[in-house]
Amino acid sequence: MIHGLSASANRQITVFERRHGLPAGQVAHAFRRWSDVARRPCEKTDRFYECDDIDLRNGIYHVRTLLEITLHALRTKARRELAAAVGPADDTNLRRTLNNPFAATGLPWWMRRIDV
C-alpha cells in the first residue's frame, strides 16, 4: 500500500502486481526505494536502485522503471495520484544529477543521469 493514494489506486496497483506475477507490495517497495534515495543526503545516495530478484524484462529492473510501467497500466485518476506521489522524488533526483552525454539515447531519463 502506498500511503496518500486512494483505496481505488492501491487496489489497481494490487491487480497490476497480480497480473504481472509480482510479489504483493512490490510497487510500494519500489516507490519507497525511489523516495528514500531522494531524501538521503547527496553523499549517502545509493545509485543502485534495483529491486531484489524480480525479472520483469531480461534481468533486474530499476525501481523507477517499475513505477513507470505501473503508471501506464493504471486508469487516469489513479495514474495522476501515483504520478503526483512520484513527482517530488523525480524532481529531487533530477536536481541532484546531470544528464550523461554518453548514455544511450533510448534509455529512460532516470537511467541517463550521473551524480554531481
Protein backbone atom coordinates (compact mmCIF):
# COMPACT_ATOMS: atom_id res chain seq x y z
CA MET A 1 0.00 0.00 0.00
CA ILE A 2 1.27 3.45 -0.88
CA HIS A 3 0.15 5.98 1.72
CA GLY A 4 -1.52 9.03 0.24
CA LEU A 5 -3.08 7.14 -2.66
CA SER A 6 -6.77 6.35 -2.70
CA ALA A 7 -8.07 2.87 -1.99
CA SER A 8 -9.00 2.59 -5.66
CA ALA A 9 -5.46 3.43 -6.80
CA ASN A 10 -3.94 0.95 -4.35
CA ARG A 11 -6.40 -1.70 -5.49
CA GLN A 12 -5.42 -1.10 -9.14
CA ILE A 13 -1.76 -1.47 -8.18
CA THR A 14 -2.56 -4.77 -6.44
CA VAL A 15 -4.32 -6.02 -9.58
CA PHE A 16 -1.31 -4.91 -11.68
CA GLU A 17 1.08 -6.84 -9.42
CA ARG A 18 -1.07 -9.96 -9.57
CA ARG A 19 -1.48 -9.74 -13.34
CA HIS A 20 2.30 -9.47 -13.84
CA GLY A 21 3.25 -12.12 -11.29
CA LEU A 22 4.93 -9.65 -8.94
CA PRO A 23 5.00 -10.25 -5.20
CA ALA A 24 2.36 -8.30 -3.29
CA GLY A 25 3.70 -4.89 -2.30
CA GLN A 26 6.48 -4.78 -4.91
CA VAL A 27 5.28 -1.48 -6.41
CA ALA A 28 5.04 0.07 -2.92
CA HIS A 29 8.58 -1.20 -2.25
CA ALA A 30 9.80 0.41 -5.50
CA PHE A 31 8.06 3.66 -4.52
CA ARG A 32 9.72 3.65 -1.09
CA ARG A 33 13.17 2.92 -2.57
CA TRP A 34 12.85 5.73 -5.13
CA SER A 35 11.54 8.17 -2.49
CA ASP A 36 14.24 7.17 0.04
CA VAL A 37 17.02 7.92 -2.43
CA ALA A 38 15.57 11.40 -2.95
CA ARG A 39 15.51 12.06 0.82
CA ARG A 40 19.08 10.97 1.56
CA PRO A 41 21.91 13.47 1.69
CA CYS A 42 23.77 13.56 -1.63
CA GLU A 43 26.92 11.93 -0.26
CA LYS A 44 24.89 8.96 1.06
CA THR A 45 22.89 8.36 -2.10
CA ASP A 46 22.92 4.80 -3.33
CA ARG A 47 22.55 4.78 -7.10
CA PHE A 48 21.81 1.05 -7.22
CA TYR A 49 18.02 1.17 -7.19
CA GLU A 50 17.33 -2.33 -8.43
CA CYS A 51 14.73 -4.46 -6.71
CA ASP A 52 15.64 -7.88 -5.38
CA ASP A 53 15.39 -10.79 -7.81
CA ILE A 54 12.27 -9.87 -9.76
CA ASP A 55 12.62 -10.36 -13.51
CA LEU A 56 10.28 -8.03 -15.38
CA ARG A 57 12.33 -7.92 -18.60
CA ASN A 58 15.61 -9.77 -19.09
CA GLY A 59 17.03 -9.35 -15.61
CA ILE A 60 16.93 -6.99 -12.70
CA TYR A 61 14.98 -3.81 -13.24
CA HIS A 62 15.26 -0.29 -11.94
CA VAL A 63 12.63 0.70 -9.36
CA ARG A 64 11.72 3.84 -11.34
CA THR A 65 11.12 1.67 -14.40
CA LEU A 66 8.63 -0.44 -12.44
CA LEU A 67 6.88 2.75 -11.32
CA GLU A 68 6.70 3.96 -14.92
CA ILE A 69 5.28 0.66 -16.16
CA THR A 70 2.74 0.77 -13.33
CA LEU A 71 1.76 4.35 -14.22
CA HIS A 72 0.92 3.29 -17.77
CA ALA A 73 -1.18 0.37 -16.53
CA LEU A 74 -3.43 2.42 -14.23
CA ARG A 75 -6.62 4.26 -15.04
CA THR A 76 -6.41 8.04 -15.41
CA LYS A 77 -7.28 9.12 -11.86
CA ALA A 78 -5.02 6.52 -10.23
CA ARG A 79 -2.26 7.39 -12.71
CA ARG A 80 -2.47 11.04 -11.69
CA GLU A 81 -2.33 10.11 -8.00
CA LEU A 82 0.75 7.91 -8.42
CA ALA A 83 2.43 10.46 -10.70
CA ALA A 84 1.85 13.18 -8.08
CA ALA A 85 3.36 10.92 -5.39
CA VAL A 86 6.40 10.03 -7.54
CA GLY A 87 6.91 13.60 -8.82
CA PRO A 88 8.78 15.07 -5.83
CA ALA A 89 11.30 12.20 -5.86
CA ASP A 90 11.75 12.65 -9.61
CA ASP A 91 12.36 16.36 -9.14
CA THR A 92 14.92 15.77 -6.40
CA ASN A 93 16.73 13.14 -8.45
CA LEU A 94 16.81 15.46 -11.47
CA ARG A 95 18.27 18.28 -9.33
CA ARG A 96 20.96 16.02 -7.86
CA THR A 97 22.14 14.57 -11.16
CA LEU A 98 23.29 15.65 -14.60
CA ASN A 99 22.48 14.28 -17.99
CA ASN A 100 25.06 11.69 -19.06
CA PRO A 101 26.07 12.63 -22.62
CA PHE A 102 27.46 9.12 -23.19
CA ALA A 103 24.32 7.23 -22.19
CA ALA A 104 22.24 5.60 -24.91
CA THR A 105 19.52 7.98 -26.04
CA GLY A 106 16.87 5.25 -25.96
CA LEU A 107 17.14 4.84 -22.19
CA PRO A 108 14.57 6.48 -19.91
CA TRP A 109 15.71 9.73 -18.30
CA TRP A 110 16.42 8.13 -14.89
CA MET A 111 18.95 5.77 -16.49
CA ARG A 112 20.72 8.60 -18.35
CA ARG A 113 21.71 10.55 -15.23
CA ILE A 114 25.01 10.78 -13.35
CA ASP A 115 25.74 12.06 -9.84
CA VAL A 116 27.08 15.56 -9.36
